Amino acid sequence: MFKETNISSLSFNPFDKIGKEWCLISATSQGKTNTMTASWDALGHLWNKDIAIIFIRPQRYTKEFIDASDTFSISFFEGHHTELSYLGTKSGRDENKIENVHFDVIDLKGTPTFKQAKEVFVCRKLYVDSLKKDSFLFKEIYDKNYPNDDLHIVYIGEIEKVYINE
């Protein structure tokens, strides 16, 4: 059961939660939900708001859902690494990958998450832009991460609600 909480009550390390344990970014469009695994996100404070910054490559199916929705969720898990790995390597265009990992989609006031999640941020989109090749100060970062020139789209979202699963 999800309970709304104050963001300041959380006590996790975002570097571990995002970079090592991963998370799911999810949105719903026209009654359908899609999700993707992410390990390149950022949390912080900007424009006098608690924010999350997510990065999505243009070819990802989830991008269409994020673009079509005003909100998205970032869901954190304990365990479930096998499922998150699967969700990060399969496309919702080709299969019902959420059903294939036996995750249960639930709605948190219009934004999707999963019954199996431990913490959830519901974010309202505030800003969207693309990374730009000419803005990389170190060519080796660009060369290593973008051999196909598929630069990430950057979304900044205000963290409007935080839920914990009790």
Protein backbone atom coordinates (compact mmCIF):
# COMPACT_ATOMS: atom_id res chain seq x y z
CA MET A 1 0.00 0.00 0.00
CA PHE A 2 1.43 3.36 -1.03
CA LYS A 3 1.47 6.24 1.41
CA GLU A 4 2.33 9.80 0.48
CA THR A 5 5.32 11.16 2.39
CA ASN A 6 7.53 14.23 2.53
CA ILE A 7 10.65 14.07 0.38
CA SER A 8 12.78 15.13 3.35
CA SER A 9 11.79 11.96 5.19
CA LEU A 10 13.63 9.76 2.68
CA SER A 11 17.01 8.46 3.70
CA PHE A 12 18.54 6.81 0.67
CA ASN A 13 21.69 7.47 -1.28
CA PRO A 14 20.66 8.63 -4.79
CA PHE A 15 23.99 7.49 -6.24
CA ASP A 16 23.26 3.93 -5.15
CA LYS A 17 19.52 4.05 -5.89
CA ILE A 18 20.00 5.35 -9.42
CA GLY A 19 23.45 4.21 -10.50
CA LYS A 20 23.63 0.77 -8.90
CA GLU A 21 20.08 -0.35 -8.13
CA TRP A 22 18.45 1.44 -11.10
CA CYS A 23 14.92 2.75 -11.38
CA LEU A 24 11.98 2.70 -13.75
CA ILE A 25 10.73 5.75 -15.61
CA SER A 26 7.08 5.36 -16.58
CA ALA A 27 4.23 7.27 -18.18
CA THR A 28 0.78 6.58 -19.56
CA SER A 29 -0.63 7.75 -22.87
CA GLN A 30 -4.04 6.92 -24.32
CA GLY A 31 -4.67 4.32 -21.64
CA LYS A 32 -1.42 2.44 -22.19
CA THR A 33 1.59 2.45 -19.85
CA ASN A 34 5.21 2.00 -20.81
CA THR A 35 8.37 1.96 -18.74
CA MET A 36 12.12 1.83 -19.12
CA THR A 37 15.00 1.14 -16.78
CA ALA A 38 17.30 4.05 -16.07
CA SER A 39 20.65 4.46 -14.36
CA TRP A 40 21.44 7.97 -15.61
CA ASP A 41 19.23 10.35 -13.69
CA ALA A 42 19.78 13.24 -11.30
CA LEU A 43 17.96 14.61 -8.27
CA GLY A 44 18.32 18.11 -6.90
CA HIS A 45 16.89 21.54 -6.30
CA LEU A 46 16.33 24.00 -9.16
CA TRP A 47 14.02 26.96 -9.70
CA ASN A 48 13.00 26.73 -6.02
CA LYS A 49 11.64 23.23 -6.62
CA ASP A 50 12.72 19.67 -5.82
CA ILE A 51 13.46 18.22 -9.23
CA ALA A 52 14.43 15.07 -11.07
CA ILE A 53 16.33 15.10 -14.33
CA ILE A 54 15.85 12.12 -16.61
CA PHE A 55 17.61 11.28 -19.85
CA ILE A 56 15.95 9.34 -22.65
CA ARG A 57 17.42 8.41 -26.02
CA PRO A 58 15.21 9.48 -28.95
CA GLN A 59 14.59 5.92 -30.17
CA ARG A 60 13.19 4.68 -26.85
CA TYR A 61 9.50 3.82 -26.96
CA THR A 62 9.02 5.31 -23.48
CA LYS A 63 9.93 8.72 -24.92
CA GLU A 64 6.61 8.78 -26.80
CA PHE A 65 4.76 8.25 -23.51
CA ILE A 66 6.78 10.86 -21.61
CA ASP A 67 6.21 13.36 -24.45
CA ALA A 68 2.45 12.72 -24.47
CA SER A 69 1.97 13.05 -20.72
CA ASP A 70 2.30 15.97 -18.32
CA THR A 71 3.68 13.67 -15.63
CA PHE A 72 5.99 10.70 -15.27
CA SER A 73 7.05 8.50 -12.38
CA ILE A 74 10.43 7.40 -11.15
CA SER A 75 10.05 4.14 -9.25
CA PHE A 76 12.72 2.68 -7.01
CA PHE A 77 12.88 -0.98 -5.95
CA GLU A 78 14.56 -3.26 -3.48
CA GLY A 79 15.81 -6.24 -5.41
CA HIS A 80 14.06 -6.99 -8.72
CA HIS A 81 17.36 -6.49 -10.58
CA THR A 82 16.52 -9.29 -13.02
CA GLU A 83 13.18 -7.67 -13.86
CA LEU A 84 14.70 -4.20 -14.20
CA SER A 85 17.38 -5.59 -16.49
CA TYR A 86 14.72 -7.18 -18.68
CA LEU A 87 12.64 -3.98 -18.76
CA GLY A 88 15.74 -2.06 -19.84
CA THR A 89 16.61 -4.34 -22.74
CA LYS A 90 13.18 -5.09 -24.23
CA SER A 91 10.84 -2.70 -26.00
CA GLY A 92 7.18 -2.24 -25.23
CA ARG A 93 6.71 -1.81 -28.99
CA ASP A 94 7.46 -5.50 -29.47
CA GLU A 95 5.90 -7.15 -26.43
CA ASN A 96 4.06 -6.56 -23.18
CA LYS A 97 7.29 -6.46 -21.21
CA ILE A 98 5.60 -5.31 -17.99
CA GLU A 99 3.36 -8.37 -18.03
CA ASN A 100 6.35 -10.57 -18.90
CA VAL A 101 8.13 -9.62 -15.64
CA HIS A 102 4.86 -10.01 -13.67
CA PHE A 103 4.84 -6.41 -12.43
CA ASP A 104 1.48 -4.90 -11.50
CA VAL A 105 0.78 -1.39 -12.82
CA ILE A 106 -1.04 0.86 -10.38
CA ASP A 107 -2.22 4.43 -10.80
CA LEU A 108 -1.13 7.15 -8.40
CA LYS A 109 -3.55 9.97 -9.20
CA GLY A 110 -3.02 9.75 -12.96
CA THR A 111 0.63 8.62 -13.04
CA PRO A 112 1.64 4.95 -13.28
CA THR A 113 3.95 2.98 -11.04
CA PHE A 114 4.20 -0.62 -9.90
CA LYS A 115 2.91 -2.44 -6.85
CA GLN A 116 6.42 -3.88 -6.43
CA ALA A 117 8.10 -0.45 -6.09
CA LYS A 118 9.49 0.71 -2.74
CA GLU A 119 9.58 4.49 -3.34
CA VAL A 120 7.98 6.53 -6.12
CA PHE A 121 8.43 10.11 -7.28
CA VAL A 122 5.60 11.59 -9.33
CA CYS A 123 7.05 14.36 -11.47
CA ARG A 124 5.48 17.12 -13.56
CA LYS A 125 7.46 18.02 -16.68
CA LEU A 126 8.93 21.52 -16.53
CA TYR A 127 11.61 21.56 -19.23
CA VAL A 128 12.67 19.50 -22.24
CA ASP A 129 15.75 19.85 -24.44
CA SER A 130 18.34 17.74 -26.23
CA LEU A 131 21.96 17.30 -25.34
CA LYS A 132 24.13 18.93 -27.97
CA LYS A 133 27.29 17.47 -29.46
CA ASP A 134 29.04 20.84 -29.56
CA SER A 135 28.47 21.37 -25.85
CA PHE A 136 30.61 18.40 -24.76
CA LEU A 137 33.85 19.73 -23.33
CA PHE A 138 35.55 16.34 -23.49
CA LYS A 139 35.27 14.63 -26.87
CA GLU A 140 35.98 11.23 -25.31
CA ILE A 141 32.73 11.39 -23.29
CA TYR A 142 30.74 12.00 -26.46
CA ASP A 143 32.65 9.36 -28.44
CA LYS A 144 32.22 6.72 -25.73
CA ASN A 145 28.52 7.29 -25.06
CA TYR A 146 27.14 8.39 -28.44
CA PRO A 147 28.73 6.35 -31.24
CA ASN A 148 25.36 6.49 -33.06
CA ASP A 149 24.83 10.23 -32.46
CA ASP A 150 21.64 9.40 -30.54
CA LEU A 151 21.96 12.12 -27.94
CA HIS A 152 19.65 11.94 -24.96
CA ILE A 153 16.61 14.13 -24.55
CA VAL A 154 16.74 15.81 -21.13
CA TYR A 155 13.56 16.19 -19.09
CA ILE A 156 13.44 18.20 -15.89
CA GLY A 157 10.46 17.40 -13.73
CA GLU A 158 9.26 18.85 -10.48
CA ILE A 159 8.87 16.13 -7.86
CA GLU A 160 5.26 16.81 -6.89
CA LYS A 161 4.52 13.73 -4.81
CA VAL A 162 6.64 11.13 -3.03
CA TYR A 163 5.20 7.76 -2.04
CA ILE A 164 6.57 4.91 0.00
CA ASN A 165 5.24 1.39 -0.14
CA GLU A 166 4.54 0.10 3.34
